[in-house]
Amino acid sequence: MSRVGYAPAWVIATFFGFGLSPVAPGTVGSAGAIAVAWWLHSAYGWSALDFVILSLLLTGPGIWAAGAVAKAAANNDPSKVVIDEVLGVWLALGGAHELNGKTWVAAFALFRLFDIWKPFPVRQLEGLHGGKGIVADDLGAGLYAALVLFAAGWFNLI
């Protein structure tokens, strides 16, 4: 891939540089996703559903960028690729009945828990080829987080 073609992939895959954090880039990328979501919600009234739609719309470009950067780095899942965490966090927000301080924190914490733990079948999704495997497991973790967040809201726990 030429340098010109690599630049957009790099920007997307690292989520505008959040993935370049020397410490815990996945956590930093997840926090960046929450910060952007909070801003979009506060400034433009975005809802939980809007973040699900955004996550789904950016899944294709995220898979492409993650795969391109992984190939260029000769690494199956480089830590600097955090677009997968971003998409997973935004999917997790979809489970919120309403967006408030508790749900922002819960979506972040639940997503990180499921992303690290990788319960079945999330871990198996990592085995998909290229960018698909990089992104799919985080979407799985985001889905688990969304379901728990939804149930917590249903039972008025959040």
N, C-alpha and C. Protein backbone atom coordinates (compact mmCIF):
# COMPACT_ATOMS: atom_id res chain seq x y z
N MET A 1 0.85 -1.17 0.00
CA MET A 1 0.00 0.00 0.00
C MET A 1 0.90 1.23 0.00
N SER A 2 0.58 2.19 -0.87
CA SER A 2 1.38 3.41 -0.93
C SER A 2 1.19 4.24 0.33
N ARG A 3 2.13 5.12 0.58
CA ARG A 3 2.05 6.00 1.75
C ARG A 3 0.77 6.82 1.71
N VAL A 4 0.38 7.28 0.53
CA VAL A 4 -0.84 8.07 0.40
C VAL A 4 -2.05 7.24 0.77
N GLY A 5 -2.11 5.99 0.31
CA GLY A 5 -3.23 5.11 0.62
C GLY A 5 -3.24 4.67 2.06
N TYR A 6 -2.07 4.64 2.70
CA TYR A 6 -1.95 4.19 4.08
C TYR A 6 -2.43 5.25 5.06
N ALA A 7 -2.28 6.52 4.74
CA ALA A 7 -2.62 7.61 5.68
C ALA A 7 -4.07 7.56 6.15
N PRO A 8 -5.05 7.45 5.26
CA PRO A 8 -6.44 7.38 5.76
C PRO A 8 -6.68 6.16 6.64
N ALA A 9 -6.09 5.03 6.27
CA ALA A 9 -6.25 3.81 7.08
C ALA A 9 -5.66 4.03 8.47
N TRP A 10 -4.51 4.65 8.53
CA TRP A 10 -3.84 4.92 9.80
C TRP A 10 -4.69 5.84 10.68
N VAL A 11 -5.24 6.90 10.09
CA VAL A 11 -6.06 7.85 10.85
C VAL A 11 -7.30 7.16 11.40
N ILE A 12 -7.96 6.36 10.58
CA ILE A 12 -9.17 5.66 11.02
C ILE A 12 -8.81 4.59 12.06
N ALA A 13 -7.82 3.77 11.75
CA ALA A 13 -7.47 2.64 12.63
C ALA A 13 -7.03 3.10 14.02
N THR A 14 -6.29 4.21 14.08
CA THR A 14 -5.82 4.71 15.38
C THR A 14 -6.82 5.69 16.00
N PHE A 15 -7.95 5.88 15.36
CA PHE A 15 -8.98 6.83 15.79
C PHE A 15 -8.34 8.19 16.08
N PHE A 16 -7.76 8.73 15.02
CA PHE A 16 -7.15 10.06 15.06
C PHE A 16 -6.02 10.16 16.08
N GLY A 17 -5.32 9.05 16.29
CA GLY A 17 -4.15 9.05 17.15
C GLY A 17 -4.36 8.54 18.56
N PHE A 18 -5.60 8.29 18.98
CA PHE A 18 -5.83 7.76 20.33
C PHE A 18 -5.08 6.45 20.53
N GLY A 19 -4.94 5.65 19.48
CA GLY A 19 -4.27 4.37 19.58
C GLY A 19 -2.76 4.47 19.76
N LEU A 20 -2.23 5.67 19.65
CA LEU A 20 -0.79 5.84 19.81
C LEU A 20 -0.37 6.03 21.26
N SER A 21 -1.32 5.96 22.17
CA SER A 21 -0.99 6.08 23.58
C SER A 21 0.02 4.99 23.96
N PRO A 22 1.10 5.37 24.68
CA PRO A 22 2.08 4.36 25.06
C PRO A 22 1.58 3.42 26.16
N VAL A 23 0.51 3.82 26.83
CA VAL A 23 -0.05 3.02 27.92
C VAL A 23 -1.52 2.74 27.61
N ALA A 24 -1.91 1.48 27.64
CA ALA A 24 -3.30 1.04 27.49
C ALA A 24 -4.03 1.70 26.32
N PRO A 25 -3.53 1.54 25.09
CA PRO A 25 -4.18 2.20 23.96
C PRO A 25 -5.64 1.79 23.76
N GLY A 26 -6.00 0.55 24.08
CA GLY A 26 -7.40 0.13 23.95
C GLY A 26 -8.31 0.87 24.91
N THR A 27 -7.84 1.07 26.12
CA THR A 27 -8.61 1.83 27.11
C THR A 27 -8.69 3.30 26.71
N VAL A 28 -7.58 3.84 26.22
CA VAL A 28 -7.57 5.24 25.78
C VAL A 28 -8.50 5.41 24.58
N GLY A 29 -8.49 4.46 23.64
CA GLY A 29 -9.39 4.53 22.50
C GLY A 29 -10.85 4.44 22.92
N SER A 30 -11.14 3.58 23.91
CA SER A 30 -12.50 3.45 24.44
C SER A 30 -12.94 4.74 25.12
N ALA A 31 -12.04 5.35 25.88
CA ALA A 31 -12.35 6.63 26.54
C ALA A 31 -12.57 7.72 25.50
N GLY A 32 -11.77 7.70 24.44
CA GLY A 32 -11.96 8.67 23.35
C GLY A 32 -13.32 8.50 22.69
N ALA A 33 -13.75 7.26 22.53
CA ALA A 33 -15.07 6.98 21.93
C ALA A 33 -16.18 7.54 22.81
N ILE A 34 -16.04 7.36 24.13
CA ILE A 34 -17.03 7.91 25.07
C ILE A 34 -17.04 9.43 25.00
N ALA A 35 -15.85 10.03 24.95
CA ALA A 35 -15.76 11.50 24.90
C ALA A 35 -16.44 12.05 23.64
N VAL A 36 -16.17 11.43 22.50
CA VAL A 36 -16.80 11.88 21.25
C VAL A 36 -18.31 11.67 21.32
N ALA A 37 -18.74 10.54 21.84
CA ALA A 37 -20.18 10.27 21.96
C ALA A 37 -20.85 11.27 22.89
N TRP A 38 -20.20 11.55 24.01
CA TRP A 38 -20.76 12.52 24.96
C TRP A 38 -20.91 13.88 24.27
N TRP A 39 -19.90 14.29 23.51
CA TRP A 39 -19.96 15.57 22.81
C TRP A 39 -21.10 15.58 21.78
N LEU A 40 -21.22 14.52 21.00
CA LEU A 40 -22.29 14.45 20.01
C LEU A 40 -23.67 14.47 20.67
N HIS A 41 -23.79 13.81 21.80
CA HIS A 41 -25.05 13.81 22.53
C HIS A 41 -25.34 15.20 23.10
N SER A 42 -24.35 15.81 23.71
CA SER A 42 -24.54 17.13 24.34
C SER A 42 -24.77 18.23 23.31
N ALA A 43 -24.01 18.21 22.24
CA ALA A 43 -24.09 19.28 21.24
C ALA A 43 -25.24 19.10 20.26
N TYR A 44 -25.55 17.86 19.92
CA TYR A 44 -26.53 17.61 18.86
C TYR A 44 -27.69 16.72 19.26
N GLY A 45 -27.72 16.31 20.51
CA GLY A 45 -28.84 15.49 20.99
C GLY A 45 -28.85 14.07 20.48
N TRP A 46 -27.69 13.53 20.11
CA TRP A 46 -27.64 12.17 19.61
C TRP A 46 -28.16 11.20 20.66
N SER A 47 -28.88 10.20 20.20
CA SER A 47 -29.47 9.19 21.08
C SER A 47 -28.63 7.91 21.06
N ALA A 48 -29.00 6.98 21.91
CA ALA A 48 -28.33 5.68 21.96
C ALA A 48 -28.43 5.00 20.59
N LEU A 49 -29.59 5.08 19.96
CA LEU A 49 -29.77 4.48 18.64
C LEU A 49 -28.83 5.10 17.60
N ASP A 50 -28.60 6.40 17.69
CA ASP A 50 -27.70 7.07 16.76
C ASP A 50 -26.29 6.47 16.83
N PHE A 51 -25.86 6.09 18.03
CA PHE A 51 -24.52 5.51 18.17
C PHE A 51 -24.46 4.09 17.61
N VAL A 52 -25.55 3.36 17.70
CA VAL A 52 -25.60 2.03 17.08
C VAL A 52 -25.48 2.19 15.56
N ILE A 53 -26.24 3.12 15.02
CA ILE A 53 -26.21 3.36 13.57
C ILE A 53 -24.81 3.80 13.14
N LEU A 54 -24.19 4.72 13.89
CA LEU A 54 -22.85 5.17 13.56
C LEU A 54 -21.85 4.02 13.60
N SER A 55 -21.96 3.18 14.61
CA SER A 55 -21.08 2.02 14.72
C SER A 55 -21.23 1.11 13.51
N LEU A 56 -22.46 0.85 13.13
CA LEU A 56 -22.71 -0.04 12.00
C LEU A 56 -22.24 0.58 10.67
N LEU A 57 -22.45 1.88 10.51
CA LEU A 57 -22.02 2.56 9.29
C LEU A 57 -20.50 2.58 9.15
N LEU A 58 -19.80 2.66 10.27
CA LEU A 58 -18.34 2.74 10.22
C LEU A 58 -17.65 1.38 10.35
N THR A 59 -18.44 0.31 10.46
CA THR A 59 -17.84 -1.02 10.57
C THR A 59 -17.04 -1.38 9.32
N GLY A 60 -17.58 -1.13 8.14
CA GLY A 60 -16.86 -1.43 6.90
C GLY A 60 -15.54 -0.68 6.80
N PRO A 61 -15.57 0.65 6.93
CA PRO A 61 -14.30 1.38 6.91
C PRO A 61 -13.36 0.96 8.04
N GLY A 62 -13.91 0.62 9.20
CA GLY A 62 -13.08 0.18 10.32
C GLY A 62 -12.38 -1.14 10.02
N ILE A 63 -13.10 -2.07 9.41
CA ILE A 63 -12.49 -3.35 9.03
C ILE A 63 -11.38 -3.13 8.01
N TRP A 64 -11.65 -2.30 7.01
CA TRP A 64 -10.64 -2.00 5.99
C TRP A 64 -9.40 -1.39 6.62
N ALA A 65 -9.59 -0.36 7.46
CA ALA A 65 -8.45 0.34 8.07
C ALA A 65 -7.67 -0.57 9.01
N ALA A 66 -8.37 -1.33 9.84
CA ALA A 66 -7.70 -2.23 10.77
C ALA A 66 -6.88 -3.27 10.00
N GLY A 67 -7.45 -3.80 8.95
CA GLY A 67 -6.74 -4.79 8.15
C GLY A 67 -5.51 -4.20 7.46
N ALA A 68 -5.65 -3.00 6.92
CA ALA A 68 -4.53 -2.35 6.22
C ALA A 68 -3.39 -2.05 7.17
N VAL A 69 -3.70 -1.54 8.34
CA VAL A 69 -2.65 -1.20 9.31
C VAL A 69 -2.02 -2.48 9.87
N ALA A 70 -2.82 -3.51 10.12
CA ALA A 70 -2.28 -4.78 10.60
C ALA A 70 -1.33 -5.38 9.56
N LYS A 71 -1.72 -5.32 8.31
CA LYS A 71 -0.87 -5.86 7.24
C LYS A 71 0.43 -5.06 7.14
N ALA A 72 0.34 -3.74 7.18
CA ALA A 72 1.53 -2.90 7.09
C ALA A 72 2.45 -3.11 8.29
N ALA A 73 1.87 -3.38 9.45
CA ALA A 73 2.66 -3.59 10.66
C ALA A 73 3.12 -5.04 10.80
N ALA A 74 2.67 -5.91 9.90
CA ALA A 74 2.98 -7.34 9.97
C ALA A 74 2.63 -7.89 11.35
N ASN A 75 1.43 -7.52 11.82
CA ASN A 75 0.94 -7.91 13.15
C ASN A 75 -0.55 -8.18 13.01
N ASN A 76 -1.02 -9.33 13.48
CA ASN A 76 -2.43 -9.69 13.33
C ASN A 76 -3.39 -8.74 14.04
N ASP A 77 -2.96 -8.12 15.13
CA ASP A 77 -3.83 -7.20 15.89
C ASP A 77 -2.95 -6.18 16.64
N PRO A 78 -2.42 -5.20 15.90
CA PRO A 78 -1.55 -4.23 16.56
C PRO A 78 -2.30 -3.40 17.60
N SER A 79 -1.65 -3.12 18.71
CA SER A 79 -2.31 -2.40 19.80
C SER A 79 -2.70 -0.99 19.41
N LYS A 80 -2.03 -0.41 18.42
CA LYS A 80 -2.37 0.96 18.00
C LYS A 80 -3.70 1.03 17.25
N VAL A 81 -4.21 -0.11 16.78
CA VAL A 81 -5.51 -0.14 16.12
C VAL A 81 -6.59 -0.15 17.20
N VAL A 82 -7.33 0.96 17.30
CA VAL A 82 -8.37 1.09 18.33
C VAL A 82 -9.74 1.39 17.75
N ILE A 83 -9.86 1.42 16.42
CA ILE A 83 -11.19 1.67 15.84
C ILE A 83 -12.15 0.57 16.27
N ASP A 84 -11.64 -0.62 16.53
CA ASP A 84 -12.50 -1.71 16.99
C ASP A 84 -13.08 -1.40 18.37
N GLU A 85 -12.29 -0.81 19.26
CA GLU A 85 -12.80 -0.41 20.57
C GLU A 85 -13.84 0.70 20.43
N VAL A 86 -13.58 1.63 19.53
CA VAL A 86 -14.52 2.75 19.32
C VAL A 86 -15.87 2.21 18.86
N LEU A 87 -15.86 1.34 17.88
CA LEU A 87 -17.11 0.77 17.36
C LEU A 87 -17.82 -0.05 18.43
N GLY A 88 -17.06 -0.79 19.22
CA GLY A 88 -17.66 -1.59 20.30
C GLY A 88 -18.29 -0.74 21.38
N VAL A 89 -17.63 0.34 21.77
CA VAL A 89 -18.19 1.24 22.79
C VAL A 89 -19.47 1.88 22.28
N TRP A 90 -19.45 2.34 21.03
CA TRP A 90 -20.65 2.98 20.49
C TRP A 90 -21.80 1.98 20.38
N LEU A 91 -21.49 0.74 20.07
CA LEU A 91 -22.53 -0.29 20.05
C LEU A 91 -23.05 -0.53 21.48
N ALA A 92 -22.17 -0.54 22.45
CA ALA A 92 -22.56 -0.73 23.85
C ALA A 92 -23.53 0.36 24.30
N LEU A 93 -23.31 1.59 23.86
CA LEU A 93 -24.20 2.70 24.23
C LEU A 93 -25.62 2.46 23.76
N GLY A 94 -25.78 1.65 22.74
CA GLY A 94 -27.11 1.35 22.21
C GLY A 94 -28.02 0.66 23.21
N GLY A 95 -27.47 0.07 24.25
CA GLY A 95 -28.29 -0.58 25.26
C GLY A 95 -28.85 0.36 26.32
N ALA A 96 -28.40 1.60 26.31
CA ALA A 96 -28.84 2.55 27.32
C ALA A 96 -30.28 3.00 27.08
N HIS A 97 -31.08 2.98 28.13
CA HIS A 97 -32.45 3.50 28.03
C HIS A 97 -32.42 5.01 27.91
N GLU A 98 -31.47 5.62 28.60
CA GLU A 98 -31.22 7.05 28.46
C GLU A 98 -29.74 7.27 28.67
N LEU A 99 -29.22 8.32 28.06
CA LEU A 99 -27.80 8.62 28.22
C LEU A 99 -27.62 9.61 29.35
N ASN A 100 -26.94 9.15 30.40
CA ASN A 100 -26.65 10.00 31.55
C ASN A 100 -25.30 9.59 32.11
N GLY A 101 -24.87 10.24 33.16
CA GLY A 101 -23.56 9.94 33.72
C GLY A 101 -23.35 8.48 34.04
N LYS A 102 -24.36 7.85 34.62
CA LYS A 102 -24.24 6.43 34.97
C LYS A 102 -24.10 5.54 33.74
N THR A 103 -24.86 5.84 32.70
CA THR A 103 -24.81 4.97 31.52
C THR A 103 -23.52 5.18 30.73
N TRP A 104 -22.98 6.40 30.73
CA TRP A 104 -21.68 6.61 30.06
C TRP A 104 -20.61 5.75 30.73
N VAL A 105 -20.57 5.80 32.07
CA VAL A 105 -19.58 5.04 32.82
C VAL A 105 -19.83 3.54 32.67
N ALA A 106 -21.09 3.13 32.77
CA ALA A 106 -21.42 1.71 32.68
C ALA A 106 -21.08 1.15 31.29
N ALA A 107 -21.39 1.89 30.24
CA ALA A 107 -21.09 1.42 28.88
C ALA A 107 -19.58 1.23 28.72
N PHE A 108 -18.81 2.20 29.20
CA PHE A 108 -17.35 2.10 29.12
C PHE A 108 -16.85 0.89 29.91
N ALA A 109 -17.28 0.77 31.17
CA ALA A 109 -16.79 -0.31 32.04
C ALA A 109 -17.23 -1.68 31.54
N LEU A 110 -18.48 -1.80 31.13
CA LEU A 110 -18.97 -3.09 30.64
C LEU A 110 -18.26 -3.49 29.35
N PHE A 111 -18.09 -2.53 28.46
CA PHE A 111 -17.38 -2.85 27.22
C PHE A 111 -15.97 -3.33 27.52
N ARG A 112 -15.24 -2.60 28.36
CA ARG A 112 -13.86 -2.99 28.68
C ARG A 112 -13.83 -4.38 29.33
N LEU A 113 -14.79 -4.65 30.22
CA LEU A 113 -14.87 -5.95 30.87
C LEU A 113 -15.01 -7.07 29.84
N PHE A 114 -15.99 -6.92 28.94
CA PHE A 114 -16.24 -7.96 27.95
C PHE A 114 -15.13 -8.02 26.89
N ASP A 115 -14.49 -6.90 26.61
CA ASP A 115 -13.39 -6.89 25.65
C ASP A 115 -12.17 -7.63 26.20
N ILE A 116 -11.93 -7.49 27.48
CA ILE A 116 -10.80 -8.17 28.11
C ILE A 116 -11.13 -9.64 28.38
N TRP A 117 -12.32 -9.90 28.91
CA TRP A 117 -12.74 -11.25 29.27
C TRP A 117 -12.97 -12.12 28.04
N LYS A 118 -13.59 -11.56 27.03
CA LYS A 118 -13.92 -12.24 25.78
C LYS A 118 -14.70 -13.55 25.99
N PRO A 119 -15.91 -13.46 26.55
CA PRO A 119 -16.72 -14.67 26.73
C PRO A 119 -17.14 -15.24 25.37
N PHE A 120 -17.51 -16.52 25.38
CA PHE A 120 -17.95 -17.18 24.16
C PHE A 120 -19.12 -16.43 23.54
N PRO A 121 -19.14 -16.23 22.27
CA PRO A 121 -18.20 -16.58 21.22
C PRO A 121 -17.26 -15.43 20.84
N VAL A 122 -17.14 -14.43 21.70
CA VAL A 122 -16.33 -13.25 21.37
C VAL A 122 -14.89 -13.64 21.04
N ARG A 123 -14.27 -14.47 21.84
CA ARG A 123 -12.88 -14.87 21.59
C ARG A 123 -12.74 -15.56 20.23
N GLN A 124 -13.71 -16.36 19.86
CA GLN A 124 -13.65 -17.08 18.59
C GLN A 124 -13.71 -16.12 17.39
N LEU A 125 -14.34 -14.97 17.56
CA LEU A 125 -14.44 -14.01 16.47
C LEU A 125 -13.09 -13.42 16.09
N GLU A 126 -12.14 -13.44 17.04
CA GLU A 126 -10.79 -12.96 16.74
C GLU A 126 -10.14 -13.78 15.62
N GLY A 127 -10.58 -15.00 15.44
CA GLY A 127 -9.99 -15.89 14.45
C GLY A 127 -10.37 -15.56 13.01
N LEU A 128 -11.30 -14.65 12.82
CA LEU A 128 -11.64 -14.26 11.45
C LEU A 128 -10.44 -13.58 10.81
N HIS A 129 -10.35 -13.65 9.51
CA HIS A 129 -9.19 -13.15 8.78
C HIS A 129 -9.11 -11.61 8.77
N GLY A 130 -7.92 -11.09 8.98
CA GLY A 130 -7.62 -9.67 8.81
C GLY A 130 -8.43 -8.74 9.70
N GLY A 131 -8.85 -7.65 9.09
CA GLY A 131 -9.59 -6.63 9.83
C GLY A 131 -10.91 -7.13 10.39
N LYS A 132 -11.49 -8.14 9.75
CA LYS A 132 -12.76 -8.70 10.26
C LYS A 132 -12.58 -9.24 11.67
N GLY A 133 -11.50 -9.97 11.90
CA GLY A 133 -11.24 -10.53 13.22
C GLY A 133 -10.92 -9.47 14.26
N ILE A 134 -10.21 -8.42 13.82
CA ILE A 134 -9.85 -7.33 14.73
C ILE A 134 -11.12 -6.63 15.23
N VAL A 135 -12.04 -6.39 14.32
CA VAL A 135 -13.25 -5.62 14.65
C VAL A 135 -14.36 -6.49 15.24
N ALA A 136 -14.53 -7.69 14.73
CA ALA A 136 -15.68 -8.52 15.12
C ALA A 136 -15.72 -8.84 16.61
N ASP A 137 -14.57 -9.15 17.21
CA ASP A 137 -14.60 -9.49 18.63
C ASP A 137 -15.02 -8.29 19.49
N ASP A 138 -14.64 -7.09 19.07
CA ASP A 138 -15.04 -5.91 19.84
C ASP A 138 -16.52 -5.57 19.63
N LEU A 139 -17.03 -5.85 18.45
CA LEU A 139 -18.47 -5.69 18.26
C LEU A 139 -19.23 -6.69 19.12
N GLY A 140 -18.69 -7.91 19.24
CA GLY A 140 -19.30 -8.91 20.13
C GLY A 140 -19.27 -8.44 21.58
N ALA A 141 -18.14 -7.90 22.01
CA ALA A 141 -18.04 -7.37 23.38
C ALA A 141 -19.01 -6.20 23.57
N GLY A 142 -19.13 -5.36 22.55
CA GLY A 142 -20.07 -4.24 22.62
C GLY A 142 -21.51 -4.70 22.71
N LEU A 143 -21.84 -5.78 21.99
CA LEU A 143 -23.19 -6.33 22.04
C LEU A 143 -23.50 -6.88 23.43
N TYR A 144 -22.56 -7.62 24.01
CA TYR A 144 -22.75 -8.11 25.39
C TYR A 144 -22.95 -6.94 26.35
N ALA A 145 -22.13 -5.91 26.21
CA ALA A 145 -22.24 -4.74 27.09
C ALA A 145 -23.60 -4.06 26.91
N ALA A 146 -24.06 -3.95 25.66
CA ALA A 146 -25.36 -3.34 25.39
C ALA A 146 -26.49 -4.12 26.04
N LEU A 147 -26.41 -5.44 25.96
CA LEU A 147 -27.45 -6.28 26.57
C LEU A 147 -27.50 -6.12 28.09
N VAL A 148 -26.32 -6.09 28.72
CA VAL A 148 -26.28 -5.90 30.18
C VAL A 148 -26.77 -4.51 30.54
N LEU A 149 -26.36 -3.50 29.78
CA LEU A 149 -26.80 -2.13 30.03
C LEU A 149 -28.32 -2.01 29.86
N PHE A 150 -28.85 -2.66 28.84
CA PHE A 150 -30.29 -2.65 28.62
C PHE A 150 -31.03 -3.30 29.79
N ALA A 151 -30.55 -4.47 30.22
CA ALA A 151 -31.18 -5.17 31.35
C ALA A 151 -31.09 -4.34 32.63
N ALA A 152 -29.95 -3.71 32.86
CA ALA A 152 -29.78 -2.87 34.05
C ALA A 152 -30.77 -1.71 34.03
N GLY A 153 -30.98 -1.13 32.87
CA GLY A 153 -31.96 -0.04 32.73
C GLY A 153 -33.38 -0.55 32.91
N TRP A 154 -33.67 -1.72 32.39
CA TRP A 154 -34.99 -2.32 32.52
C TRP A 154 -35.37 -2.53 33.98
N PHE A 155 -34.37 -2.93 34.78
CA PHE A 155 -34.61 -3.15 36.20
C PHE A 155 -34.30 -1.93 37.06
N ASN A 156 -34.19 -0.77 36.41
CA ASN A 156 -33.94 0.51 37.07
C ASN A 156 -32.67 0.49 37.94
N LEU A 157 -31.66 -0.23 37.49
CA LEU A 157 -30.39 -0.26 38.20
C LEU A 157 -29.48 0.89 37.75
N ILE A 158 -29.79 1.42 36.59
CA ILE A 158 -29.02 2.57 36.06
C ILE A 158 -29.99 3.64 35.64
